[in-house]
Protein backbone atom coordinates (compact mmCIF):
# COMPACT_ATOMS: atom_id res chain seq x y z
CA UNK A 1 -7.49 15.81 8.76
CA UNK A 2 -7.85 14.42 5.22
CA UNK A 3 -10.81 12.24 4.45
CA UNK A 4 -11.77 10.60 1.16
CA UNK A 5 -15.12 8.81 2.05
CA UNK A 6 -16.09 5.75 4.20
CA UNK A 7 -13.95 2.41 4.12
CA UNK A 8 -15.04 -0.61 5.96
CA UNK A 9 -11.80 -2.46 7.16
CA UNK A 10 -13.18 -4.88 9.80
CA UNK A 11 -10.11 -6.84 10.86
CA UNK A 12 -7.75 -5.07 8.09
CA UNK A 13 -4.74 -2.92 8.65
CA UNK A 14 -5.21 -0.48 5.75
CA UNK A 15 -3.26 2.22 4.45
CA UNK A 16 -4.84 4.62 1.65
CA UNK A 17 -2.54 7.02 -0.11
CA UNK A 18 -4.33 10.31 -1.45
CA UNK A 19 -3.39 13.04 -3.94
CA UNK A 20 -3.13 16.76 -3.22
CA UNK A 21 -6.75 16.92 -3.98
CA UNK A 22 -7.86 14.17 -1.64
CA UNK A 23 -8.72 11.41 -4.29
CA UNK A 24 -7.16 7.97 -3.65
CA UNK A 25 -4.48 6.85 -5.63
CA UNK A 26 -3.80 3.35 -3.65
CA UNK A 27 -5.30 1.27 -0.96
CA UNK A 28 -2.65 -0.79 0.89
CA UNK A 29 -3.71 -4.02 2.90
CA UNK A 30 -1.43 -6.39 4.68
CA UNK A 31 -2.32 -9.92 5.19
CA UNK A 32 -0.75 -13.43 6.08
CA UNK A 33 0.72 -15.17 3.24
CA UNK A 34 -2.32 -17.73 3.47
CA UNK A 35 -4.81 -15.22 3.53
CA UNK A 36 -3.06 -13.40 0.64
CA UNK A 37 -3.59 -16.66 -1.14
CA UNK A 38 -7.22 -17.41 -0.43
CA UNK A 39 -9.29 -14.30 -0.81
CA UNK A 40 -7.43 -11.13 0.61
CA UNK A 41 -6.75 -9.65 -2.90
CA UNK A 42 -10.50 -9.72 -3.79
CA UNK A 43 -11.27 -7.89 -0.29
CA UNK A 44 -8.55 -5.44 -1.37
CA UNK A 45 -10.29 -4.84 -4.83
CA UNK A 46 -13.34 -4.22 -2.88
CA UNK A 47 -11.87 -1.59 -0.84
CA UNK A 48 -10.30 0.06 -3.87
CA UNK A 49 -13.79 0.31 -5.29
CA UNK A 50 -15.28 1.76 -2.04
CA UNK A 51 -12.82 4.01 -1.29
CA UNK A 52 -13.65 7.56 -2.26
CA UNK A 53 -14.14 7.63 -6.10
CA UNK A 54 -12.14 4.43 -6.19
CA UNK A 55 -8.55 3.92 -5.93
CA UNK A 56 -6.65 2.78 -9.38
CA UNK A 57 -4.26 0.65 -7.44
CA UNK A 58 -4.29 -1.81 -4.55
CA UNK A 59 -1.17 -3.21 -2.57
CA UNK A 60 -1.42 -6.65 -0.59
CA UNK A 61 1.77 -6.87 1.64
CA UNK A 62 2.35 -10.38 3.05
CA UNK A 63 5.53 -11.26 5.29
CA UNK A 64 6.68 -12.70 1.54
CA UNK A 65 5.31 -11.05 -1.10
CA UNK A 66 3.82 -7.59 -2.24
CA UNK A 67 1.56 -7.70 -4.98
CA UNK A 68 0.36 -4.71 -6.86
CA UNK A 69 -2.76 -4.54 -8.75
CA UNK A 70 -5.04 -2.70 -10.98
CA UNK A 71 -7.81 -1.55 -8.54
CA UNK A 72 -10.14 -3.70 -10.66
CA UNK A 73 -7.67 -6.40 -11.88
CA UNK A 74 -7.69 -10.13 -10.33
CA UNK A 75 -4.11 -10.49 -10.97
CA UNK A 76 -1.40 -8.70 -9.71
CA UNK A 77 0.49 -6.31 -12.01
CA UNK A 78 3.66 -7.11 -10.31
CA UNK A 79 5.05 -9.36 -7.28
CA UNK A 80 7.94 -8.45 -5.25
CA UNK A 81 9.74 -10.19 -2.44
CA UNK A 82 8.73 -8.37 0.81
CA UNK A 83 12.07 -8.63 2.38
CA UNK A 84 14.13 -7.36 -0.58
CA UNK A 85 12.00 -4.12 -0.65
CA UNK A 86 11.15 -3.69 3.19
CA UNK A 87 14.40 -4.62 5.06
CA UNK A 88 16.43 -1.69 4.15
CA UNK A 89 13.67 0.20 5.86
CA UNK A 90 14.53 -1.56 9.38
CA UNK A 91 17.79 -2.85 10.06
CA UNK A 92 16.38 -5.67 12.32
CA UNK A 93 13.73 -7.11 9.87
CA UNK A 94 15.05 -10.42 10.36
CA UNK A 95 14.46 -10.17 14.12
CA UNK A 96 10.93 -8.69 14.03
CA UNK A 97 7.78 -10.57 13.82
CA UNK A 98 6.01 -9.46 10.79
CA UNK A 99 2.63 -8.39 12.04
CA UNK A 100 0.20 -6.34 9.79
CA UNK A 101 0.70 -2.97 11.68
CA UNK A 102 4.62 -3.70 10.86
CA UNK A 103 4.44 -4.29 7.38
CA UNK A 104 1.85 -1.50 6.64
CA UNK A 105 4.44 0.96 8.64
CA UNK A 106 7.61 -0.05 6.40
CA UNK A 107 5.23 0.15 3.26
CA UNK A 108 4.21 3.76 4.19
CA UNK A 109 8.08 4.51 4.57
CA UNK A 110 8.70 2.82 1.08
CA UNK A 111 5.67 4.53 -0.72
CA UNK A 112 6.90 7.97 0.86
CA UNK A 113 10.40 7.27 -0.36
CA UNK A 114 9.29 6.69 -3.95
CA UNK A 115 7.10 9.70 -3.73
CA UNK A 116 9.41 12.37 -2.13
CA UNK A 117 12.97 10.69 -2.74
CA UNK A 118 13.88 10.81 0.66
CA UNK A 119 16.70 8.51 0.23
CA UNK A 120 19.62 9.56 -1.66
CA UNK A 121 20.16 5.99 -3.39
CA UNK A 122 17.91 3.96 -5.36
CA UNK A 123 14.41 2.69 -3.63
CA UNK A 124 14.28 -0.92 -3.64
CA UNK A 125 11.35 -2.00 -6.29
CA UNK A 126 11.29 1.33 -7.79
CA UNK A 127 12.12 0.09 -11.37
CA UNK A 128 9.19 -2.48 -11.22
CA UNK A 129 6.95 0.44 -9.95
CA UNK A 130 8.07 2.74 -12.77
CA UNK A 131 7.33 0.01 -15.45
CA UNK A 132 3.82 0.01 -14.24
CA UNK A 133 3.43 3.72 -14.07
CA UNK A 134 2.88 3.83 -10.23
CA UNK A 135 6.12 5.61 -9.28
CA UNK A 136 5.63 8.46 -11.60
CA UNK A 137 1.86 8.79 -9.99
CA UNK A 138 3.09 8.68 -6.67
CA UNK A 139 5.69 11.56 -7.41
CA UNK A 140 3.10 13.70 -9.29
CA UNK A 141 0.43 13.43 -6.70
CA UNK A 142 2.19 14.82 -3.74
CA UNK A 143 0.62 12.10 -1.65
CA UNK A 144 -0.45 12.23 1.94
CA UNK A 145 -1.13 8.87 3.60
CA UNK A 146 -4.47 8.38 5.66
CA UNK A 147 -5.49 5.33 8.01
CA UNK A 148 -8.96 4.25 8.43
CA UNK A 149 -10.39 4.86 11.77
CA UNK A 150 -12.47 2.69 13.89
CA UNK A 151 -15.63 4.45 12.10
CA UNK A 152 -14.38 4.00 8.58
CA UNK A 153 -13.48 7.25 8.02
CA UNK A 154 -10.01 8.24 6.92
CA UNK A 155 -7.26 10.00 9.06
CA UNK A 156 -3.96 11.28 8.31
């Protein structure tokens, strides 16, 4: 089991990406667009600080926008249209209700693809993540993904 310390995530669907040494690289949360505009990014930054030794990146996904933050910064480093990035990971994207669990599942597939290059073609949003240095860090980290359990511990 991979653990990188306690995370308090009441009501949130969170994904933590850790590197081969179990250091947090990225904390991802899903939120509604309204929540994303009204404080969800502050909650995410708090989780970035509270996860292990601190995650340098935070990712907030809503049905409309994927925002990637410096773990401590208030403004996103980049924003991407969620449908442009995640629709290629589920052929019936337009038919599904975009729940937090669904969004995090697709973000996990996307981040895995960026890290491991499973798709033979270009990965949506890769150029933007390259520009902020995150894509290279994902590839170098040989990451595993963990989810907080009901007690705040992290599990693969």
